[in-house]
Amino acid sequence: MENKIVLSQNFKIENATTDENGLKIEGMCCHYNKKNLNNEVVDEKSFDAFFTLYNDGKIKPNLNWNHTDVIIGGIDTIESKSNGLFIVCHLNGDVAIVRDMIEPNIKAGDIDSFSTEGGLLNGYEDIVELGEGGYYVKNFLLFGVGIVANPADWDAKFTVANYINQYNLQKQIEKETIEKNSKWFLI
């Protein structure tokens, strides 16, 4: 007998976690008081306007591939720490480029960096020259975070938060499948 599962259009998975459908990654997406390769310097105050809009639900940064319009997952949390912005994200394993290219490269350690993207609240009024080719950004609105191979902030690295859990989950599923399909098992 063949088992079939039929899903309606309004089907919603309750309590689903990203462990089942993709990697969860976390890390600093930018550092404060450090000039990046774009000669930008930000500090905690640079993101005050962003956090006001973010907390009011008026802006939601996306997670994309290499600063393109290819959305590859979502940002779960954004937190300002003493040394920069810390984010927790999930990759959508159902997106082909994530499944076929990005996740394998992350697991191999070939891709491990974040890069911020956004705009200035007041345009060029929010740029202050610092000399030595650098400038301070006063009101940076974070529109997205890209997973990139070459970030402007070389220390904007992420780690995989759920890789071991995902591996253990897969092993548990394989074990349960073997036990279920076995003719003999211990009680």
C-alpha atoms as a PDB file:
ATOM      1  CA  MET A   1       0.000   0.000   0.000  1.00  0.00           C
ATOM      2  CA  GLU A   2       1.304   3.448  -0.937  1.00  0.00           C
ATOM      3  CA  ASN A   3       1.193   6.279   1.599  1.00  0.00           C
ATOM      4  CA  LYS A   4       0.286   9.690   0.249  1.00  0.00           C
ATOM      5  CA  ILE A   5       0.391  13.012   2.007  1.00  0.00           C
ATOM      6  CA  VAL A   6      -1.888  15.716   0.658  1.00  0.00           C
ATOM      7  CA  LEU A   7      -1.285  19.298   1.733  1.00  0.00           C
ATOM      8  CA  SER A   8      -3.822  22.072   1.348  1.00  0.00           C
ATOM      9  CA  GLN A   9      -2.790  25.536   0.185  1.00  0.00           C
ATOM     10  CA  ASN A  10      -3.165  26.858   3.723  1.00  0.00           C
ATOM     11  CA  PHE A  11      -0.953  24.221   5.323  1.00  0.00           C
ATOM     12  CA  LYS A  12       1.399  25.648   7.907  1.00  0.00           C
ATOM     13  CA  ILE A  13       4.075  23.765   9.793  1.00  0.00           C
ATOM     14  CA  GLU A  14       3.862  24.677  13.467  1.00  0.00           C
ATOM     15  CA  ASN A  15       7.031  24.896  15.560  1.00  0.00           C
ATOM     16  CA  ALA A  16       9.310  24.219  12.587  1.00  0.00           C
ATOM     17  CA  THR A  17      12.967  25.012  13.133  1.00  0.00           C
ATOM     18  CA  THR A  18      15.654  25.887  10.660  1.00  0.00           C
ATOM     19  CA  ASP A  19      17.547  22.788  11.813  1.00  0.00           C
ATOM     20  CA  GLU A  20      15.239  20.772   9.576  1.00  0.00           C
ATOM     21  CA  ASN A  21      15.518  22.962   6.505  1.00  0.00           C
ATOM     22  CA  GLY A  22      18.867  24.698   6.437  1.00  0.00           C
ATOM     23  CA  LEU A  23      21.826  25.999   8.308  1.00  0.00           C
ATOM     24  CA  LYS A  24      21.605  28.557  11.056  1.00  0.00           C
ATOM     25  CA  ILE A  25      24.574  30.938  11.062  1.00  0.00           C
ATOM     26  CA  GLU A  26      25.629  33.679  13.437  1.00  0.00           C
ATOM     27  CA  GLY A  27      28.345  36.251  13.864  1.00  0.00           C
ATOM     28  CA  MET A  28      29.381  39.868  13.664  1.00  0.00           C
ATOM     29  CA  CYS A  29      28.222  41.496  10.434  1.00  0.00           C
ATOM     30  CA  CYS A  30      30.204  44.692  11.094  1.00  0.00           C
ATOM     31  CA  HIS A  31      32.574  46.048  13.713  1.00  0.00           C
ATOM     32  CA  TYR A  32      32.499  49.433  15.413  1.00  0.00           C
ATOM     33  CA  ASN A  33      35.278  52.021  15.266  1.00  0.00           C
ATOM     34  CA  LYS A  34      37.226  50.140  12.620  1.00  0.00           C
ATOM     35  CA  LYS A  35      37.748  51.377   9.068  1.00  0.00           C
ATOM     36  CA  ASN A  36      36.688  48.734   6.543  1.00  0.00           C
ATOM     37  CA  LEU A  37      37.975  48.292   2.993  1.00  0.00           C
ATOM     38  CA  ASN A  38      35.334  50.786   1.769  1.00  0.00           C
ATOM     39  CA  ASN A  39      36.915  53.336   4.177  1.00  0.00           C
ATOM     40  CA  GLU A  40      33.712  53.411   6.254  1.00  0.00           C
ATOM     41  CA  VAL A  41      33.686  53.692  10.034  1.00  0.00           C
ATOM     42  CA  VAL A  42      30.547  53.103  12.112  1.00  0.00           C
ATOM     43  CA  ASP A  43      29.815  52.983  15.804  1.00  0.00           C
ATOM     44  CA  GLU A  44      26.800  52.045  17.915  1.00  0.00           C
ATOM     45  CA  LYS A  45      25.186  55.478  17.376  1.00  0.00           C
ATOM     46  CA  SER A  46      25.387  54.931  13.606  1.00  0.00           C
ATOM     47  CA  PHE A  47      22.539  52.409  13.936  1.00  0.00           C
ATOM     48  CA  ASP A  48      20.208  54.312  16.298  1.00  0.00           C
ATOM     49  CA  ALA A  49      17.828  55.356  13.506  1.00  0.00           C
ATOM     50  CA  PHE A  50      17.895  51.841  12.051  1.00  0.00           C
ATOM     51  CA  PHE A  51      16.991  50.205  15.377  1.00  0.00           C
ATOM     52  CA  THR A  52      14.141  52.677  15.892  1.00  0.00           C
ATOM     53  CA  LEU A  53      12.651  51.730  12.510  1.00  0.00           C
ATOM     54  CA  TYR A  54      13.470  48.025  12.972  1.00  0.00           C
ATOM     55  CA  ASN A  55      11.840  47.824  16.407  1.00  0.00           C
ATOM     56  CA  ASP A  56       8.744  49.620  15.029  1.00  0.00           C
ATOM     57  CA  GLY A  57       8.492  47.015  12.245  1.00  0.00           C
ATOM     58  CA  LYS A  58       9.158  49.604   9.522  1.00  0.00           C
ATOM     59  CA  ILE A  59      12.347  48.054   8.138  1.00  0.00           C
ATOM     60  CA  LYS A  60      13.321  44.404   7.791  1.00  0.00           C
ATOM     61  CA  PRO A  61      16.771  43.616   6.406  1.00  0.00           C
ATOM     62  CA  ASN A  62      17.070  40.641   4.105  1.00  0.00           C
ATOM     63  CA  LEU A  63      19.700  37.923   3.875  1.00  0.00           C
ATOM     64  CA  ASN A  64      21.038  37.703   0.358  1.00  0.00           C
ATOM     65  CA  TRP A  65      23.787  36.184  -1.709  1.00  0.00           C
ATOM     66  CA  ASN A  66      26.742  38.456  -2.514  1.00  0.00           C
ATOM     67  CA  HIS A  67      24.752  41.735  -2.462  1.00  0.00           C
ATOM     68  CA  THR A  68      22.302  40.614  -5.130  1.00  0.00           C
ATOM     69  CA  ASP A  69      18.520  40.438  -5.064  1.00  0.00           C
ATOM     70  CA  VAL A  70      18.759  36.656  -4.495  1.00  0.00           C
ATOM     71  CA  ILE A  71      17.173  36.130  -1.069  1.00  0.00           C
ATOM     72  CA  ILE A  72      18.666  33.019   0.532  1.00  0.00           C
ATOM     73  CA  GLY A  73      17.134  33.047   4.012  1.00  0.00           C
ATOM     74  CA  GLY A  74      16.237  35.391   6.803  1.00  0.00           C
ATOM     75  CA  ILE A  75      17.707  37.334   9.680  1.00  0.00           C
ATOM     76  CA  ASP A  76      16.306  36.038  12.959  1.00  0.00           C
ATOM     77  CA  THR A  77      17.896  38.523  15.380  1.00  0.00           C
ATOM     78  CA  ILE A  78      20.040  41.644  15.189  1.00  0.00           C
ATOM     79  CA  GLU A  79      21.788  42.878  18.298  1.00  0.00           C
ATOM     80  CA  SER A  80      24.152  45.749  18.927  1.00  0.00           C
ATOM     81  CA  LYS A  81      27.065  44.620  21.071  1.00  0.00           C
ATOM     82  CA  SER A  82      29.969  46.677  22.382  1.00  0.00           C
ATOM     83  CA  ASN A  83      32.146  45.889  19.351  1.00  0.00           C
ATOM     84  CA  GLY A  84      29.588  45.693  16.505  1.00  0.00           C
ATOM     85  CA  LEU A  85      26.378  44.228  15.114  1.00  0.00           C
ATOM     86  CA  PHE A  86      25.750  40.561  15.903  1.00  0.00           C
ATOM     87  CA  ILE A  87      23.169  38.658  13.858  1.00  0.00           C
ATOM     88  CA  VAL A  88      21.628  35.203  13.840  1.00  0.00           C
ATOM     89  CA  CYS A  89      20.313  34.047  10.450  1.00  0.00           C
ATOM     90  CA  HIS A  90      18.915  30.987   8.791  1.00  0.00           C
ATOM     91  CA  LEU A  91      19.507  29.777   5.262  1.00  0.00           C
ATOM     92  CA  ASN A  92      16.540  28.432   3.320  1.00  0.00           C
ATOM     93  CA  GLY A  93      17.556  24.939   2.214  1.00  0.00           C
ATOM     94  CA  ASP A  94      14.705  24.829  -0.320  1.00  0.00           C
ATOM     95  CA  VAL A  95      16.348  27.555  -2.416  1.00  0.00           C
ATOM     96  CA  ALA A  96      18.416  25.838  -5.116  1.00  0.00           C
ATOM     97  CA  ILE A  97      21.487  28.074  -4.875  1.00  0.00           C
ATOM     98  CA  VAL A  98      21.578  27.547  -1.099  1.00  0.00           C
ATOM     99  CA  ARG A  99      21.251  23.775  -1.342  1.00  0.00           C
ATOM    100  CA  ASP A 100      23.573  23.310  -4.329  1.00  0.00           C
ATOM    101  CA  MET A 101      26.260  25.949  -3.822  1.00  0.00           C
ATOM    102  CA  ILE A 102      26.146  28.060  -0.664  1.00  0.00           C
ATOM    103  CA  GLU A 103      25.635  25.410   2.055  1.00  0.00           C
ATOM    104  CA  PRO A 104      28.326  23.058   0.687  1.00  0.00           C
ATOM    105  CA  ASN A 105      30.799  25.950   0.510  1.00  0.00           C
ATOM    106  CA  ILE A 106      29.949  27.058   4.051  1.00  0.00           C
ATOM    107  CA  LYS A 107      30.349  23.506   5.370  1.00  0.00           C
ATOM    108  CA  ALA A 108      33.702  23.241   3.570  1.00  0.00           C
ATOM    109  CA  GLY A 109      34.819  26.548   5.117  1.00  0.00           C
ATOM    110  CA  ASP A 110      35.145  28.300   1.749  1.00  0.00           C
ATOM    111  CA  ILE A 111      32.485  30.932   2.502  1.00  0.00           C
ATOM    112  CA  ASP A 112      32.390  32.403   6.010  1.00  0.00           C
ATOM    113  CA  SER A 113      31.724  36.158   5.849  1.00  0.00           C
ATOM    114  CA  PHE A 114      28.931  38.697   6.197  1.00  0.00           C
ATOM    115  CA  SER A 115      28.734  42.110   4.555  1.00  0.00           C
ATOM    116  CA  THR A 116      26.288  44.867   5.449  1.00  0.00           C
ATOM    117  CA  GLU A 117      24.376  46.934   2.928  1.00  0.00           C
ATOM    118  CA  GLY A 118      22.112  49.873   3.348  1.00  0.00           C
ATOM    119  CA  GLY A 119      21.619  53.550   2.924  1.00  0.00           C
ATOM    120  CA  LEU A 120      21.971  56.864   4.696  1.00  0.00           C
ATOM    121  CA  LEU A 121      18.967  58.339   6.482  1.00  0.00           C
ATOM    122  CA  ASN A 122      19.837  61.937   5.504  1.00  0.00           C
ATOM    123  CA  GLY A 123      21.912  61.300   2.401  1.00  0.00           C
ATOM    124  CA  TYR A 124      25.387  62.800   2.259  1.00  0.00           C
ATOM    125  CA  GLU A 125      24.678  64.824   5.404  1.00  0.00           C
ATOM    126  CA  ASP A 126      25.336  61.580   7.296  1.00  0.00           C
ATOM    127  CA  ILE A 127      28.946  61.343   6.121  1.00  0.00           C
ATOM    128  CA  VAL A 128      31.737  62.929   8.127  1.00  0.00           C
ATOM    129  CA  GLU A 129      35.247  63.009   6.663  1.00  0.00           C
ATOM    130  CA  LEU A 130      37.845  61.532   9.010  1.00  0.00           C
ATOM    131  CA  GLY A 131      40.968  62.171   6.980  1.00  0.00           C
ATOM    132  CA  GLU A 132      43.336  59.493   5.719  1.00  0.00           C
ATOM    133  CA  GLY A 133      40.662  58.523   3.184  1.00  0.00           C
ATOM    134  CA  GLY A 134      38.139  57.394   5.783  1.00  0.00           C
ATOM    135  CA  TYR A 135      34.715  58.669   6.700  1.00  0.00           C
ATOM    136  CA  TYR A 136      32.300  58.201   9.604  1.00  0.00           C
ATOM    137  CA  VAL A 137      28.701  57.208   8.838  1.00  0.00           C
ATOM    138  CA  LYS A 138      26.201  58.844  11.217  1.00  0.00           C
ATOM    139  CA  ASN A 139      22.814  57.287  10.319  1.00  0.00           C
ATOM    140  CA  PHE A 140      23.166  53.952   8.551  1.00  0.00           C
ATOM    141  CA  LEU A 141      19.958  52.121   7.657  1.00  0.00           C
ATOM    142  CA  LEU A 142      20.632  48.404   7.340  1.00  0.00           C
ATOM    143  CA  PHE A 143      18.639  47.064   4.371  1.00  0.00           C
ATOM    144  CA  GLY A 144      20.355  43.713   4.035  1.00  0.00           C
ATOM    145  CA  VAL A 145      23.224  41.469   4.945  1.00  0.00           C
ATOM    146  CA  GLY A 146      25.011  39.554   2.251  1.00  0.00           C
ATOM    147  CA  ILE A 147      26.815  36.272   2.603  1.00  0.00           C
ATOM    148  CA  VAL A 148      30.004  36.931   0.698  1.00  0.00           C
ATOM    149  CA  ALA A 149      33.429  35.468   0.014  1.00  0.00           C
ATOM    150  CA  ASN A 150      35.183  38.869   0.166  1.00  0.00           C
ATOM    151  CA  PRO A 151      33.788  41.244   2.798  1.00  0.00           C
ATOM    152  CA  ALA A 152      34.742  44.878   3.329  1.00  0.00           C
ATOM    153  CA  ASP A 153      35.135  44.103   7.051  1.00  0.00           C
ATOM    154  CA  TRP A 154      37.565  41.170   7.045  1.00  0.00           C
ATOM    155  CA  ASP A 155      36.576  40.242  10.598  1.00  0.00           C
ATOM    156  CA  ALA A 156      32.845  39.957   9.782  1.00  0.00           C
ATOM    157  CA  LYS A 157      32.925  36.170  10.012  1.00  0.00           C
ATOM    158  CA  PHE A 158      30.086  33.825  10.857  1.00  0.00           C
ATOM    159  CA  THR A 159      29.943  30.352  12.317  1.00  0.00           C
ATOM    160  CA  VAL A 160      27.420  27.611  11.756  1.00  0.00           C
ATOM    161  CA  ALA A 161      25.239  27.474  14.848  1.00  0.00           C
ATOM    162  CA  ASN A 162      23.368  24.229  14.201  1.00  0.00           C
ATOM    163  CA  TYR A 163      25.670  22.035  12.105  1.00  0.00           C
ATOM    164  CA  ILE A 164      26.295  19.457  14.837  1.00  0.00           C
ATOM    165  CA  ASN A 165      22.623  19.403  15.754  1.00  0.00           C
ATOM    166  CA  GLN A 166      21.671  18.963  12.109  1.00  0.00           C
ATOM    167  CA  TYR A 167      24.165  16.098  11.723  1.00  0.00           C
ATOM    168  CA  ASN A 168      22.883  14.405  14.890  1.00  0.00           C
ATOM    169  CA  LEU A 169      19.283  14.867  13.754  1.00  0.00           C
ATOM    170  CA  GLN A 170      20.044  13.182  10.427  1.00  0.00           C
ATOM    171  CA  LYS A 171      21.790  10.270  12.192  1.00  0.00           C
ATOM    172  CA  GLN A 172      18.796   9.850  14.543  1.00  0.00           C
ATOM    173  CA  ILE A 173      16.393   9.804  11.580  1.00  0.00           C
ATOM    174  CA  GLU A 174      18.549   7.198   9.803  1.00  0.00           C
ATOM    175  CA  LYS A 175      18.660   5.047  12.968  1.00  0.00           C
ATOM    176  CA  GLU A 176      14.887   5.240  13.471  1.00  0.00           C
ATOM    177  CA  THR A 177      14.298   4.368   9.791  1.00  0.00           C
ATOM    178  CA  ILE A 178      16.556   1.312  10.043  1.00  0.00           C
ATOM    179  CA  GLU A 179      14.846   0.177  13.247  1.00  0.00           C
ATOM    180  CA  LYS A 180      11.389   0.742  11.765  1.00  0.00           C
ATOM    181  CA  ASN A 181      12.198  -1.183   8.589  1.00  0.00           C
ATOM    182  CA  SER A 182      14.006  -4.011  10.373  1.00  0.00           C
ATOM    183  CA  LYS A 183      12.287  -7.347  10.765  1.00  0.00           C
ATOM    184  CA  TRP A 184      13.807  -7.893  14.197  1.00  0.00           C
ATOM    185  CA  PHE A 185      14.376  -5.339  16.876  1.00  0.00           C
ATOM    186  CA  LEU A 186      14.894  -5.342  20.628  1.00  0.00           C
ATOM    187  CA  ILE A 187      12.091  -4.390  22.948  1.00  0.00           C
END
